[in-house]
Amino acid sequence: MLIGHYNYWVVVALMMLGFYIIIAHGNLIKKLVGLTIFQTSVFIFYISVAKVDGGSAPILADGITQYSNPLPHVLILTAIVVGIATTALGLAIIVRINEAYDSIEEEFIQQQDNLS
């Protein structure tokens, strides 16, 4: 039973890895990578839950009684596009932070803010 649900184990592993990277590292680029890994695990989970065993494409045909709903997959495609845009915006903000503070380490940036 545990082996049959390997996709959920992959989701949990990716989720924990992304969460660990976000919490453990002070580098802003690494935090953004961790956030992207976490986001990917959510995508995999959503697609895994939406899978219908024995379901076919939602095209009317004789003898087909069980269909897969394409809506979750379309929503994930939209979420991927939004995720790419968010990642690009995050990278642009990190570039501006690097220009302002000459560092992308969170601890150094906080020290500089406390001094001023």
PDB file of N, CA and C in Angstrom:
ATOM      1  N   MET A   1       0.820  -1.198   0.000  1.00  0.00           N
ATOM      2  CA  MET A   1       0.000   0.000   0.000  1.00  0.00           C
ATOM      3  C   MET A   1       0.861   1.259   0.000  1.00  0.00           C
ATOM      4  N   LEU A   2       1.951   1.245   0.761  1.00  0.00           N
ATOM      5  CA  LEU A   2       2.815   2.423   0.810  1.00  0.00           C
ATOM      6  C   LEU A   2       3.522   2.667  -0.511  1.00  0.00           C
ATOM      7  N   ILE A   3       3.903   1.602  -1.180  1.00  0.00           N
ATOM      8  CA  ILE A   3       4.597   1.748  -2.460  1.00  0.00           C
ATOM      9  C   ILE A   3       3.640   2.245  -3.533  1.00  0.00           C
ATOM     10  N   GLY A   4       2.390   1.884  -3.441  1.00  0.00           N
ATOM     11  CA  GLY A   4       1.403   2.311  -4.425  1.00  0.00           C
ATOM     12  C   GLY A   4       1.142   3.804  -4.415  1.00  0.00           C
ATOM     13  N   HIS A   5       1.468   4.457  -3.330  1.00  0.00           N
ATOM     14  CA  HIS A   5       1.252   5.904  -3.219  1.00  0.00           C
ATOM     15  C   HIS A   5       2.585   6.654  -3.197  1.00  0.00           C
ATOM     16  N   TYR A   6       3.505   6.226  -4.045  1.00  0.00           N
ATOM     17  CA  TYR A   6       4.830   6.845  -4.054  1.00  0.00           C
ATOM     18  C   TYR A   6       4.785   8.322  -4.410  1.00  0.00           C
ATOM     19  N   ASN A   7       3.793   8.737  -5.219  1.00  0.00           N
ATOM     20  CA  ASN A   7       3.711  10.150  -5.589  1.00  0.00           C
ATOM     21  C   ASN A   7       3.443  11.034  -4.366  1.00  0.00           C
ATOM     22  N   TYR A   8       2.706  10.519  -3.395  1.00  0.00           N
ATOM     23  CA  TYR A   8       2.475  11.302  -2.181  1.00  0.00           C
ATOM     24  C   TYR A   8       3.744  11.392  -1.338  1.00  0.00           C
ATOM     25  N   TRP A   9       4.554  10.330  -1.351  1.00  0.00           N
ATOM     26  CA  TRP A   9       5.829  10.376  -0.636  1.00  0.00           C
ATOM     27  C   TRP A   9       6.771  11.382  -1.282  1.00  0.00           C
ATOM     28  N   VAL A  10       6.729  11.448  -2.608  1.00  0.00           N
ATOM     29  CA  VAL A  10       7.536  12.446  -3.315  1.00  0.00           C
ATOM     30  C   VAL A  10       7.068  13.852  -2.943  1.00  0.00           C
ATOM     31  N   VAL A  11       5.769  14.047  -2.868  1.00  0.00           N
ATOM     32  CA  VAL A  11       5.219  15.350  -2.482  1.00  0.00           C
ATOM     33  C   VAL A  11       5.689  15.734  -1.084  1.00  0.00           C
ATOM     34  N   VAL A  12       5.601  14.808  -0.138  1.00  0.00           N
ATOM     35  CA  VAL A  12       6.011  15.096   1.238  1.00  0.00           C
ATOM     36  C   VAL A  12       7.509  15.395   1.296  1.00  0.00           C
ATOM     37  N   ALA A  13       8.314  14.624   0.570  1.00  0.00           N
ATOM     38  CA  ALA A  13       9.761  14.851   0.577  1.00  0.00           C
ATOM     39  C   ALA A  13      10.112  16.217  -0.010  1.00  0.00           C
ATOM     40  N   LEU A  14       9.498  16.559  -1.133  1.00  0.00           N
ATOM     41  CA  LEU A  14       9.763  17.868  -1.741  1.00  0.00           C
ATOM     42  C   LEU A  14       9.270  19.008  -0.860  1.00  0.00           C
ATOM     43  N   MET A  15       8.125  18.809  -0.224  1.00  0.00           N
ATOM     44  CA  MET A  15       7.579  19.843   0.645  1.00  0.00           C
ATOM     45  C   MET A  15       8.504  20.093   1.836  1.00  0.00           C
ATOM     46  N   MET A  16       8.969  19.024   2.453  1.00  0.00           N
ATOM     47  CA  MET A  16       9.875  19.172   3.601  1.00  0.00           C
ATOM     48  C   MET A  16      11.219  19.759   3.176  1.00  0.00           C
ATOM     49  N   LEU A  17      11.725  19.354   2.010  1.00  0.00           N
ATOM     50  CA  LEU A  17      12.979  19.900   1.509  1.00  0.00           C
ATOM     51  C   LEU A  17      12.860  21.402   1.253  1.00  0.00           C
ATOM     52  N   GLY A  18      11.798  21.805   0.572  1.00  0.00           N
ATOM     53  CA  GLY A  18      11.584  23.228   0.311  1.00  0.00           C
ATOM     54  C   GLY A  18      11.413  24.021   1.586  1.00  0.00           C
ATOM     55  N   PHE A  19      10.658  23.485   2.528  1.00  0.00           N
ATOM     56  CA  PHE A  19      10.438  24.170   3.797  1.00  0.00           C
ATOM     57  C   PHE A  19      11.740  24.297   4.587  1.00  0.00           C
ATOM     58  N   TYR A  20      12.554  23.239   4.573  1.00  0.00           N
ATOM     59  CA  TYR A  20      13.841  23.277   5.267  1.00  0.00           C
ATOM     60  C   TYR A  20      14.757  24.340   4.660  1.00  0.00           C
ATOM     61  N   ILE A  21      14.795  24.407   3.344  1.00  0.00           N
ATOM     62  CA  ILE A  21      15.642  25.403   2.680  1.00  0.00           C
ATOM     63  C   ILE A  21      15.193  26.813   3.043  1.00  0.00           C
ATOM     64  N   ILE A  22      13.902  27.044   3.091  1.00  0.00           N
ATOM     65  CA  ILE A  22      13.385  28.372   3.439  1.00  0.00           C
ATOM     66  C   ILE A  22      13.770  28.741   4.863  1.00  0.00           C
ATOM     67  N   ILE A  23      13.668  27.803   5.785  1.00  0.00           N
ATOM     68  CA  ILE A  23      13.926  28.080   7.197  1.00  0.00           C
ATOM     69  C   ILE A  23      15.420  28.146   7.508  1.00  0.00           C
ATOM     70  N   ALA A  24      16.210  27.240   6.945  1.00  0.00           N
ATOM     71  CA  ALA A  24      17.595  27.061   7.381  1.00  0.00           C
ATOM     72  C   ALA A  24      18.586  28.028   6.751  1.00  0.00           C
ATOM     73  N   HIS A  25      18.307  28.551   5.590  1.00  0.00           N
ATOM     74  CA  HIS A  25      19.297  29.355   4.881  1.00  0.00           C
ATOM     75  C   HIS A  25      18.963  30.842   4.971  1.00  0.00           C
ATOM     76  N   GLY A  26      20.012  31.657   5.052  1.00  0.00           N
ATOM     77  CA  GLY A  26      19.839  33.108   5.113  1.00  0.00           C
ATOM     78  C   GLY A  26      20.019  33.769   3.771  1.00  0.00           C
ATOM     79  N   ASN A  27      20.504  33.032   2.787  1.00  0.00           N
ATOM     80  CA  ASN A  27      20.702  33.572   1.456  1.00  0.00           C
ATOM     81  C   ASN A  27      19.347  33.710   0.762  1.00  0.00           C
ATOM     82  N   LEU A  28      19.075  34.886   0.214  1.00  0.00           N
ATOM     83  CA  LEU A  28      17.757  35.132  -0.378  1.00  0.00           C
ATOM     84  C   LEU A  28      17.511  34.299  -1.629  1.00  0.00           C
ATOM     85  N   ILE A  29      18.555  34.032  -2.416  1.00  0.00           N
ATOM     86  CA  ILE A  29      18.396  33.185  -3.602  1.00  0.00           C
ATOM     87  C   ILE A  29      18.011  31.767  -3.181  1.00  0.00           C
ATOM     88  N   LYS A  30      18.685  31.258  -2.143  1.00  0.00           N
ATOM     89  CA  LYS A  30      18.358  29.907  -1.659  1.00  0.00           C
ATOM     90  C   LYS A  30      16.939  29.851  -1.120  1.00  0.00           C
ATOM     91  N   LYS A  31      16.500  30.908  -0.460  1.00  0.00           N
ATOM     92  CA  LYS A  31      15.117  30.947   0.023  1.00  0.00           C
ATOM     93  C   LYS A  31      14.131  30.907  -1.142  1.00  0.00           C
ATOM     94  N   LEU A  32      14.445  31.615  -2.213  1.00  0.00           N
ATOM     95  CA  LEU A  32      13.572  31.614  -3.388  1.00  0.00           C
ATOM     96  C   LEU A  32      13.547  30.240  -4.054  1.00  0.00           C
ATOM     97  N   VAL A  33      14.697  29.568  -4.099  1.00  0.00           N
ATOM     98  CA  VAL A  33      14.745  28.204  -4.642  1.00  0.00           C
ATOM     99  C   VAL A  33      13.915  27.266  -3.771  1.00  0.00           C
ATOM    100  N   GLY A  34      14.033  27.397  -2.441  1.00  0.00           N
ATOM    101  CA  GLY A  34      13.229  26.579  -1.535  1.00  0.00           C
ATOM    102  C   GLY A  34      11.739  26.809  -1.723  1.00  0.00           C
ATOM    103  N   LEU A  35      11.363  28.062  -1.927  1.00  0.00           N
ATOM    104  CA  LEU A  35       9.956  28.383  -2.173  1.00  0.00           C
ATOM    105  C   LEU A  35       9.471  27.759  -3.476  1.00  0.00           C
ATOM    106  N   THR A  36      10.315  27.746  -4.484  1.00  0.00           N
ATOM    107  CA  THR A  36       9.954  27.139  -5.766  1.00  0.00           C
ATOM    108  C   THR A  36       9.803  25.625  -5.631  1.00  0.00           C
ATOM    109  N   ILE A  37      10.680  24.986  -4.863  1.00  0.00           N
ATOM    110  CA  ILE A  37      10.562  23.542  -4.630  1.00  0.00           C
ATOM    111  C   ILE A  37       9.275  23.233  -3.873  1.00  0.00           C
ATOM    112  N   PHE A  38       8.976  24.027  -2.873  1.00  0.00           N
ATOM    113  CA  PHE A  38       7.734  23.842  -2.114  1.00  0.00           C
ATOM    114  C   PHE A  38       6.519  23.997  -3.028  1.00  0.00           C
ATOM    115  N   GLN A  39       6.558  25.004  -3.887  1.00  0.00           N
ATOM    116  CA  GLN A  39       5.461  25.249  -4.823  1.00  0.00           C
ATOM    117  C   GLN A  39       5.299  24.079  -5.794  1.00  0.00           C
ATOM    118  N   THR A  40       6.396  23.521  -6.261  1.00  0.00           N
ATOM    119  CA  THR A  40       6.344  22.370  -7.163  1.00  0.00           C
ATOM    120  C   THR A  40       5.714  21.170  -6.480  1.00  0.00           C
ATOM    121  N   SER A  41       5.998  20.980  -5.197  1.00  0.00           N
ATOM    122  CA  SER A  41       5.385  19.857  -4.476  1.00  0.00           C
ATOM    123  C   SER A  41       3.871  20.019  -4.392  1.00  0.00           C
ATOM    124  N   VAL A  42       3.408  21.240  -4.246  1.00  0.00           N
ATOM    125  CA  VAL A  42       1.956  21.480  -4.215  1.00  0.00           C
ATOM    126  C   VAL A  42       1.348  21.164  -5.580  1.00  0.00           C
ATOM    127  N   PHE A  43       2.042  21.522  -6.649  1.00  0.00           N
ATOM    128  CA  PHE A  43       1.553  21.203  -7.994  1.00  0.00           C
ATOM    129  C   PHE A  43       1.429  19.693  -8.178  1.00  0.00           C
ATOM    130  N   ILE A  44       2.457  18.956  -7.779  1.00  0.00           N
ATOM    131  CA  ILE A  44       2.437  17.498  -7.921  1.00  0.00           C
ATOM    132  C   ILE A  44       1.313  16.893  -7.089  1.00  0.00           C
ATOM    133  N   PHE A  45       1.119  17.417  -5.879  1.00  0.00           N
ATOM    134  CA  PHE A  45       0.039  16.910  -5.035  1.00  0.00           C
ATOM    135  C   PHE A  45      -1.323  17.139  -5.683  1.00  0.00           C
ATOM    136  N   TYR A  46      -1.542  18.329  -6.193  1.00  0.00           N
ATOM    137  CA  TYR A  46      -2.841  18.662  -6.787  1.00  0.00           C
ATOM    138  C   TYR A  46      -3.111  17.793  -8.017  1.00  0.00           C
ATOM    139  N   ILE A  47      -2.104  17.568  -8.830  1.00  0.00           N
ATOM    140  CA  ILE A  47      -2.281  16.729 -10.011  1.00  0.00           C
ATOM    141  C   ILE A  47      -2.515  15.272  -9.597  1.00  0.00           C
ATOM    142  N   SER A  48      -1.814  14.805  -8.552  1.00  0.00           N
ATOM    143  CA  SER A  48      -1.989  13.427  -8.085  1.00  0.00           C
ATOM    144  C   SER A  48      -3.392  13.185  -7.559  1.00  0.00           C
ATOM    145  N   VAL A  49      -3.940  14.148  -6.843  1.00  0.00           N
ATOM    146  CA  VAL A  49      -5.290  13.998  -6.301  1.00  0.00           C
ATOM    147  C   VAL A  49      -6.326  14.024  -7.418  1.00  0.00           C
ATOM    148  N   ALA A  50      -6.056  14.786  -8.477  1.00  0.00           N
ATOM    149  CA  ALA A  50      -7.032  14.939  -9.560  1.00  0.00           C
ATOM    150  C   ALA A  50      -7.052  13.751 -10.522  1.00  0.00           C
ATOM    151  N   LYS A  51      -6.065  12.867 -10.440  1.00  0.00           N
ATOM    152  CA  LYS A  51      -5.997  11.723 -11.350  1.00  0.00           C
ATOM    153  C   LYS A  51      -7.153  10.763 -11.079  1.00  0.00           C
ATOM    154  N   VAL A  52      -7.838  10.354 -12.139  1.00  0.00           N
ATOM    155  CA  VAL A  52      -8.944   9.406 -12.046  1.00  0.00           C
ATOM    156  C   VAL A  52      -8.501   8.095 -12.701  1.00  0.00           C
ATOM    157  N   ASP A  53      -8.475   7.011 -11.932  1.00  0.00           N
ATOM    158  CA  ASP A  53      -8.097   5.711 -12.493  1.00  0.00           C
ATOM    159  C   ASP A  53      -9.158   5.239 -13.468  1.00  0.00           C
ATOM    160  N   GLY A  54      -8.721   4.909 -14.655  1.00  0.00           N
ATOM    161  CA  GLY A  54      -9.636   4.416 -15.678  1.00  0.00           C
ATOM    162  C   GLY A  54     -10.402   5.510 -16.392  1.00  0.00           C
ATOM    163  N   GLY A  55     -10.175   6.744 -16.048  1.00  0.00           N
ATOM    164  CA  GLY A  55     -10.868   7.859 -16.692  1.00  0.00           C
ATOM    165  C   GLY A  55     -10.243   8.192 -18.037  1.00  0.00           C
ATOM    166  N   SER A  56     -11.067   8.622 -18.960  1.00  0.00           N
ATOM    167  CA  SER A  56     -10.551   9.005 -20.273  1.00  0.00           C
ATOM    168  C   SER A  56     -10.785  10.498 -20.479  1.00  0.00           C
ATOM    169  N   ALA A  57     -10.293  10.988 -21.592  1.00  0.00           N
ATOM    170  CA  ALA A  57     -10.464  12.400 -21.922  1.00  0.00           C
ATOM    171  C   ALA A  57     -11.957  12.715 -22.033  1.00  0.00           C
ATOM    172  N   PRO A  58     -12.351  13.923 -21.649  1.00  0.00           N
ATOM    173  CA  PRO A  58     -13.784  14.252 -21.666  1.00  0.00           C
ATOM    174  C   PRO A  58     -14.306  14.513 -23.076  1.00  0.00           C
ATOM    175  N   ILE A  59     -14.266  13.467 -23.886  1.00  0.00           N
ATOM    176  CA  ILE A  59     -14.795  13.522 -25.245  1.00  0.00           C
ATOM    177  C   ILE A  59     -15.886  12.466 -25.329  1.00  0.00           C
ATOM    178  N   LEU A  60     -17.067  12.875 -25.731  1.00  0.00           N
ATOM    179  CA  LEU A  60     -18.180  11.934 -25.789  1.00  0.00           C
ATOM    180  C   LEU A  60     -17.927  10.854 -26.837  1.00  0.00           C
ATOM    181  N   ALA A  61     -18.004   9.612 -26.396  1.00  0.00           N
ATOM    182  CA  ALA A  61     -17.827   8.471 -27.283  1.00  0.00           C
ATOM    183  C   ALA A  61     -18.642   7.309 -26.724  1.00  0.00           C
ATOM    184  N   ASP A  62     -18.924   6.337 -27.568  1.00  0.00           N
ATOM    185  CA  ASP A  62     -19.697   5.181 -27.141  1.00  0.00           C
ATOM    186  C   ASP A  62     -18.877   4.290 -26.213  1.00  0.00           C
ATOM    187  N   GLY A  63     -19.499   3.824 -25.149  1.00  0.00           N
ATOM    188  CA  GLY A  63     -18.879   2.876 -24.253  1.00  0.00           C
ATOM    189  C   GLY A  63     -18.014   3.486 -23.159  1.00  0.00           C
ATOM    190  N   ILE A  64     -17.849   4.770 -23.147  1.00  0.00           N
ATOM    191  CA  ILE A  64     -17.034   5.419 -22.108  1.00  0.00           C
ATOM    192  C   ILE A  64     -17.978   6.019 -21.072  1.00  0.00           C
ATOM    193  N   THR A  65     -17.780   5.598 -19.824  1.00  0.00           N
ATOM    194  CA  THR A  65     -18.663   6.084 -18.761  1.00  0.00           C
ATOM    195  C   THR A  65     -17.931   6.918 -17.724  1.00  0.00           C
ATOM    196  N   GLN A  66     -16.618   6.801 -17.668  1.00  0.00           N
ATOM    197  CA  GLN A  66     -15.871   7.525 -16.646  1.00  0.00           C
ATOM    198  C   GLN A  66     -14.887   8.481 -17.328  1.00  0.00           C
ATOM    199  N   TYR A  67     -15.010   9.748 -16.966  1.00  0.00           N
ATOM    200  CA  TYR A  67     -14.179  10.779 -17.568  1.00  0.00           C
ATOM    201  C   TYR A  67     -13.299  11.447 -16.519  1.00  0.00           C
ATOM    202  N   SER A  68     -12.156  11.939 -16.971  1.00  0.00           N
ATOM    203  CA  SER A  68     -11.281  12.737 -16.120  1.00  0.00           C
ATOM    204  C   SER A  68     -11.651  14.205 -16.282  1.00  0.00           C
ATOM    205  N   ASN A  69     -11.615  14.926 -15.182  1.00  0.00           N
ATOM    206  CA  ASN A  69     -11.910  16.350 -15.222  1.00  0.00           C
ATOM    207  C   ASN A  69     -10.634  17.101 -15.592  1.00  0.00           C
ATOM    208  N   PRO A  70     -10.622  17.864 -16.684  1.00  0.00           N
ATOM    209  CA  PRO A  70      -9.402  18.576 -17.080  1.00  0.00           C
ATOM    210  C   PRO A  70      -9.168  19.872 -16.295  1.00  0.00           C
ATOM    211  N   LEU A  71     -10.131  20.304 -15.508  1.00  0.00           N
ATOM    212  CA  LEU A  71     -10.013  21.574 -14.805  1.00  0.00           C
ATOM    213  C   LEU A  71      -8.820  21.644 -13.848  1.00  0.00           C
ATOM    214  N   PRO A  72      -8.550  20.623 -13.015  1.00  0.00           N
ATOM    215  CA  PRO A  72      -7.377  20.727 -12.127  1.00  0.00           C
ATOM    216  C   PRO A  72      -6.064  20.890 -12.887  1.00  0.00           C
ATOM    217  N   HIS A  73      -5.924  20.230 -14.008  1.00  0.00           N
ATOM    218  CA  HIS A  73      -4.697  20.326 -14.787  1.00  0.00           C
ATOM    219  C   HIS A  73      -4.567  21.708 -15.414  1.00  0.00           C
ATOM    220  N   VAL A  74      -5.673  22.265 -15.845  1.00  0.00           N
ATOM    221  CA  VAL A  74      -5.651  23.618 -16.399  1.00  0.00           C
ATOM    222  C   VAL A  74      -5.314  24.629 -15.307  1.00  0.00           C
ATOM    223  N   LEU A  75      -5.847  24.430 -14.127  1.00  0.00           N
ATOM    224  CA  LEU A  75      -5.528  25.327 -13.015  1.00  0.00           C
ATOM    225  C   LEU A  75      -4.049  25.256 -12.648  1.00  0.00           C
ATOM    226  N   ILE A  76      -3.460  24.064 -12.717  1.00  0.00           N
ATOM    227  CA  ILE A  76      -2.042  23.921 -12.418  1.00  0.00           C
ATOM    228  C   ILE A  76      -1.205  24.605 -13.489  1.00  0.00           C
ATOM    229  N   LEU A  77      -1.610  24.530 -14.745  1.00  0.00           N
ATOM    230  CA  LEU A  77      -0.894  25.264 -15.789  1.00  0.00           C
ATOM    231  C   LEU A  77      -0.904  26.762 -15.504  1.00  0.00           C
ATOM    232  N   THR A  78      -2.037  27.265 -15.079  1.00  0.00           N
ATOM    233  CA  THR A  78      -2.130  28.680 -14.717  1.00  0.00           C
ATOM    234  C   THR A  78      -1.248  28.977 -13.512  1.00  0.00           C
ATOM    235  N   ALA A  79      -1.240  28.091 -12.531  1.00  0.00           N
ATOM    236  CA  ALA A  79      -0.416  28.293 -11.339  1.00  0.00           C
ATOM    237  C   ALA A  79       1.074  28.260 -11.683  1.00  0.00           C
ATOM    238  N   ILE A  80       1.466  27.447 -12.653  1.00  0.00           N
ATOM    239  CA  ILE A  80       2.864  27.409 -13.078  1.00  0.00           C
ATOM    240  C   ILE A  80       3.266  28.745 -13.684  1.00  0.00           C
ATOM    241  N   VAL A  81       2.409  29.312 -14.509  1.00  0.00           N
ATOM    242  CA  VAL A  81       2.697  30.619 -15.106  1.00  0.00           C
ATOM    243  C   VAL A  81       2.798  31.691 -14.025  1.00  0.00           C
ATOM    244  N   VAL A  82       1.882  31.674 -13.071  1.00  0.00           N
ATOM    245  CA  VAL A  82       1.937  32.631 -11.965  1.00  0.00           C
ATOM    246  C   VAL A  82       3.193  32.411 -11.128  1.00  0.00           C
ATOM    247  N   GLY A  83       3.575  31.156 -10.908  1.00  0.00           N
ATOM    248  CA  GLY A  83       4.783  30.850 -10.158  1.00  0.00           C
ATOM    249  C   GLY A  83       6.040  31.358 -10.845  1.00  0.00           C
ATOM    250  N   ILE A  84       6.105  31.237 -12.160  1.00  0.00           N
ATOM    251  CA  ILE A  84       7.258  31.750 -12.902  1.00  0.00           C
ATOM    252  C   ILE A  84       7.321  33.274 -12.791  1.00  0.00           C
ATOM    253  N   ALA A  85       6.178  33.924 -12.908  1.00  0.00           N
ATOM    254  CA  ALA A  85       6.148  35.380 -12.783  1.00  0.00           C
ATOM    255  C   ALA A  85       6.549  35.816 -11.376  1.00  0.00           C
ATOM    256  N   THR A  86       6.077  35.105 -10.373  1.00  0.00           N
ATOM    257  CA  THR A  86       6.435  35.427  -8.991  1.00  0.00           C
ATOM    258  C   THR A  86       7.919  35.219  -8.744  1.00  0.00           C
ATOM    259  N   THR A  87       8.479  34.147  -9.282  1.00  0.00           N
ATOM    260  CA  THR A  87       9.907  33.892  -9.140  1.00  0.00           C
ATOM    261  C   THR A  87      10.727  34.975  -9.829  1.00  0.00           C
ATOM    262  N   ALA A  88      10.300  35.380 -11.010  1.00  0.00           N
ATOM    263  CA  ALA A  88      11.005  36.456 -11.723  1.00  0.00           C
ATOM    264  C   ALA A  88      10.946  37.760 -10.933  1.00  0.00           C
ATOM    265  N   LEU A  89       9.794  38.067 -10.356  1.00  0.00           N
ATOM    266  CA  LEU A  89       9.666  39.270  -9.537  1.00  0.00           C
ATOM    267  C   LEU A  89      10.551  39.173  -8.293  1.00  0.00           C
ATOM    268  N   GLY A  90      10.579  38.002  -7.663  1.00  0.00           N
ATOM    269  CA  GLY A  90      11.440  37.799  -6.503  1.00  0.00           C
ATOM    270  C   GLY A  90      12.906  37.981  -6.844  1.00  0.00           C
ATOM    271  N   LEU A  91      13.324  37.462  -7.995  1.00  0.00           N
ATOM    272  CA  LEU A  91      14.714  37.643  -8.417  1.00  0.00           C
ATOM    273  C   LEU A  91      15.023  39.107  -8.690  1.00  0.00           C
ATOM    274  N   ALA A  92      14.081  39.826  -9.289  1.00  0.00           N
ATOM    275  CA  ALA A  92      14.281  41.260  -9.540  1.00  0.00           C
ATOM    276  C   ALA A  92      14.416  42.029  -8.229  1.00  0.00           C
ATOM    277  N   ILE A  93      13.623  41.673  -7.241  1.00  0.00           N
ATOM    278  CA  ILE A  93      13.712  42.333  -5.931  1.00  0.00           C
ATOM    279  C   ILE A  93      15.049  42.007  -5.266  1.00  0.00           C
ATOM    280  N   ILE A  94      15.510  40.766  -5.404  1.00  0.00           N
ATOM    281  CA  ILE A  94      16.797  40.384  -4.827  1.00  0.00           C
ATOM    282  C   ILE A  94      17.935  41.160  -5.494  1.00  0.00           C
ATOM    283  N   VAL A  95      17.846  41.379  -6.795  1.00  0.00           N
ATOM    284  CA  VAL A  95      18.860  42.180  -7.485  1.00  0.00           C
ATOM    285  C   VAL A  95      18.882  43.600  -6.918  1.00  0.00           C
ATOM    286  N   ARG A  96      17.722  44.183  -6.691  1.00  0.00           N
ATOM    287  CA  ARG A  96      17.660  45.542  -6.119  1.00  0.00           C
ATOM    288  C   ARG A  96      18.186  45.563  -4.685  1.00  0.00           C
ATOM    289  N   ILE A  97      17.888  44.534  -3.916  1.00  0.00           N
ATOM    290  CA  ILE A  97      18.421  44.450  -2.548  1.00  0.00           C
ATOM    291  C   ILE A  97      19.942  44.340  -2.584  1.00  0.00           C
ATOM    292  N   ASN A  98      20.459  43.552  -3.519  1.00  0.00           N
ATOM    293  CA  ASN A  98      21.911  43.414  -3.647  1.00  0.00           C
ATOM    294  C   ASN A  98      22.559  44.746  -4.023  1.00  0.00           C
ATOM    295  N   GLU A  99      21.903  45.524  -4.872  1.00  0.00           N
ATOM    296  CA  GLU A  99      22.432  46.839  -5.231  1.00  0.00           C
ATOM    297  C   GLU A  99      22.415  47.796  -4.046  1.00  0.00           C
ATOM    298  N   ALA A 100      21.404  47.693  -3.214  1.00  0.00           N
ATOM    299  CA  ALA A 100      21.271  48.612  -2.088  1.00  0.00           C
ATOM    300  C   ALA A 100      22.170  48.238  -0.916  1.00  0.00           C
ATOM    301  N   TYR A 101      22.331  46.954  -0.637  1.00  0.00           N
ATOM    302  CA  TYR A 101      23.062  46.506   0.549  1.00  0.00           C
ATOM    303  C   TYR A 101      24.387  45.809   0.228  1.00  0.00           C
ATOM    304  N   ASP A 102      24.679  45.559  -1.022  1.00  0.00           N
ATOM    305  CA  ASP A 102      25.867  44.807  -1.446  1.00  0.00           C
ATOM    306  C   ASP A 102      25.914  43.410  -0.836  1.00  0.00           C
ATOM    307  N   SER A 103      24.773  42.826  -0.577  1.00  0.00           N
ATOM    308  CA  SER A 103      24.696  41.474  -0.033  1.00  0.00           C
ATOM    309  C   SER A 103      23.279  40.933  -0.230  1.00  0.00           C
ATOM    310  N   ILE A 104      23.201  39.606  -0.269  1.00  0.00           N
ATOM    311  CA  ILE A 104      21.880  38.978  -0.305  1.00  0.00           C
ATOM    312  C   ILE A 104      21.703  38.049   0.886  1.00  0.00           C
ATOM    313  N   GLU A 105      22.534  38.230   1.896  1.00  0.00           N
ATOM    314  CA  GLU A 105      22.411  37.471   3.140  1.00  0.00           C
ATOM    315  C   GLU A 105      21.464  38.201   4.080  1.00  0.00           C
ATOM    316  N   GLU A 106      20.451  37.502   4.539  1.00  0.00           N
ATOM    317  CA  GLU A 106      19.396  38.104   5.353  1.00  0.00           C
ATOM    318  C   GLU A 106      19.935  38.713   6.650  1.00  0.00           C
ATOM    319  N   GLU A 107      20.854  38.037   7.294  1.00  0.00           N
ATOM    320  CA  GLU A 107      21.391  38.524   8.570  1.00  0.00           C
ATOM    321  C   GLU A 107      22.160  39.830   8.391  1.00  0.00           C
ATOM    322  N   PHE A 108      22.966  39.931   7.321  1.00  0.00           N
ATOM    323  CA  PHE A 108      23.719  41.160   7.046  1.00  0.00           C
ATOM    324  C   PHE A 108      22.772  42.323   6.750  1.00  0.00           C
ATOM    325  N   ILE A 109      21.737  42.053   5.987  1.00  0.00           N
ATOM    326  CA  ILE A 109      20.762  43.108   5.648  1.00  0.00           C
ATOM    327  C   ILE A 109      20.053  43.599   6.905  1.00  0.00           C
ATOM    328  N   GLN A 110      19.686  42.697   7.792  1.00  0.00           N
ATOM    329  CA  GLN A 110      19.043  43.105   9.034  1.00  0.00           C
ATOM    330  C   GLN A 110      19.986  43.914   9.917  1.00  0.00           C
ATOM    331  N   GLN A 111      21.267  43.555   9.956  1.00  0.00           N
ATOM    332  CA  GLN A 111      22.245  44.332  10.722  1.00  0.00           C
ATOM    333  C   GLN A 111      22.383  45.732  10.154  1.00  0.00           C
ATOM    334  N   GLN A 112      22.415  45.838   8.840  1.00  0.00           N
ATOM    335  CA  GLN A 112      22.539  47.160   8.222  1.00  0.00           C
ATOM    336  C   GLN A 112      21.312  48.027   8.499  1.00  0.00           C
ATOM    337  N   ASP A 113      20.138  47.421   8.509  1.00  0.00           N
ATOM    338  CA  ASP A 113      18.913  48.158   8.815  1.00  0.00           C
ATOM    339  C   ASP A 113      18.898  48.607  10.277  1.00  0.00           C
ATOM    340  N   ASN A 114      19.420  47.794  11.183  1.00  0.00           N
ATOM    341  CA  ASN A 114      19.429  48.149  12.608  1.00  0.00           C
ATOM    342  C   ASN A 114      20.424  49.275  12.902  1.00  0.00           C
ATOM    343  N   LEU A 115      21.495  49.371  12.085  1.00  0.00           N
ATOM    344  CA  LEU A 115      22.481  50.432  12.288  1.00  0.00           C
ATOM    345  C   LEU A 115      21.961  51.791  11.857  1.00  0.00           C
ATOM    346  N   SER A 116      21.079  51.811  10.869  1.00  0.00           N
ATOM    347  CA  SER A 116      20.597  53.107  10.366  1.00  0.00           C
ATOM    348  C   SER A 116      19.290  53.536  10.975  1.00  0.00           C
TER     349      SER A 116
END
